[in-house]
Amino acid sequence: MNKIAEKCSKAVAGLALAVTKQNVNSTCMFVMYQPELPENAKMLKKKK
């Protein structure tokens, strides 16, 4: 049972990282609201 939980944990962590990378590299569609990103998330931003 622990192996299944470990594999699920790794899958969830990978998905969270992918979603965060996508969020950091995109902008908000609305003109009035762009939430602040945490400092750790800013490290994932693509270099220009």
C-alpha atoms as a PDB file:
ATOM      1  CA  MET A   1       0.000   0.000   0.000  1.00  0.00           C
ATOM      2  CA  ASN A   2       2.900   2.387   0.689  1.00  0.00           C
ATOM      3  CA  LYS A   3       4.210   1.992  -2.862  1.00  0.00           C
ATOM      4  CA  ILE A   4       0.867   3.051  -4.287  1.00  0.00           C
ATOM      5  CA  ALA A   5       0.732   6.090  -2.028  1.00  0.00           C
ATOM      6  CA  GLU A   6       4.297   7.030  -2.985  1.00  0.00           C
ATOM      7  CA  LYS A   7       3.531   6.795  -6.711  1.00  0.00           C
ATOM      8  CA  CYS A   8       0.383   8.879  -6.279  1.00  0.00           C
ATOM      9  CA  SER A   9       2.325  11.482  -4.308  1.00  0.00           C
ATOM     10  CA  LYS A  10       4.932  11.761  -7.052  1.00  0.00           C
ATOM     11  CA  ALA A  11       2.227  12.108  -9.703  1.00  0.00           C
ATOM     12  CA  VAL A  12       0.447  14.859  -7.773  1.00  0.00           C
ATOM     13  CA  ALA A  13       3.734  16.699  -7.168  1.00  0.00           C
ATOM     14  CA  GLY A  14       4.614  16.527 -10.867  1.00  0.00           C
ATOM     15  CA  LEU A  15       1.192  17.805 -11.850  1.00  0.00           C
ATOM     16  CA  ALA A  16       1.428  20.665  -9.359  1.00  0.00           C
ATOM     17  CA  LEU A  17       4.819  21.672 -10.761  1.00  0.00           C
ATOM     18  CA  ALA A  18       3.512  21.629 -14.340  1.00  0.00           C
ATOM     19  CA  VAL A  19       0.475  23.739 -13.457  1.00  0.00           C
ATOM     20  CA  THR A  20       2.640  26.227 -11.546  1.00  0.00           C
ATOM     21  CA  LYS A  21       5.057  26.575 -14.475  1.00  0.00           C
ATOM     22  CA  GLN A  22       2.151  27.239 -16.821  1.00  0.00           C
ATOM     23  CA  ASN A  23       0.681  29.804 -14.440  1.00  0.00           C
ATOM     24  CA  VAL A  24       3.966  31.666 -13.959  1.00  0.00           C
ATOM     25  CA  ASN A  25       4.580  31.974 -17.698  1.00  0.00           C
ATOM     26  CA  SER A  26       1.148  33.361 -18.546  1.00  0.00           C
ATOM     27  CA  THR A  27      -0.652  36.597 -17.824  1.00  0.00           C
ATOM     28  CA  CYS A  28      -4.159  37.261 -16.612  1.00  0.00           C
ATOM     29  CA  MET A  29      -6.851  37.799 -19.275  1.00  0.00           C
ATOM     30  CA  PHE A  30      -8.549  40.450 -17.177  1.00  0.00           C
ATOM     31  CA  VAL A  31      -7.122  43.959 -17.149  1.00  0.00           C
ATOM     32  CA  MET A  32      -7.895  44.744 -13.522  1.00  0.00           C
ATOM     33  CA  TYR A  33      -6.603  41.721 -11.613  1.00  0.00           C
ATOM     34  CA  GLN A  34      -3.260  39.902 -11.651  1.00  0.00           C
ATOM     35  CA  PRO A  35      -2.523  38.099  -8.356  1.00  0.00           C
ATOM     36  CA  GLU A  36       0.963  38.321  -6.871  1.00  0.00           C
ATOM     37  CA  LEU A  37       3.134  35.233  -7.262  1.00  0.00           C
ATOM     38  CA  PRO A  38       5.139  33.742  -4.423  1.00  0.00           C
ATOM     39  CA  GLU A  39       8.927  34.190  -4.609  1.00  0.00           C
ATOM     40  CA  ASN A  40       9.471  30.436  -5.071  1.00  0.00           C
ATOM     41  CA  ALA A  41       7.174  30.374  -8.094  1.00  0.00           C
ATOM     42  CA  LYS A  42       9.079  33.224  -9.746  1.00  0.00           C
ATOM     43  CA  MET A  43      12.127  30.948 -10.037  1.00  0.00           C
ATOM     44  CA  LEU A  44      10.187  28.825 -12.561  1.00  0.00           C
ATOM     45  CA  LYS A  45       9.742  31.718 -14.986  1.00  0.00           C
ATOM     46  CA  LYS A  46      11.228  31.291 -18.459  1.00  0.00           C
ATOM     47  CA  LYS A  47      14.349  33.313 -19.140  1.00  0.00           C
ATOM     48  CA  LYS A  48      14.190  35.869 -21.975  1.00  0.00           C
END
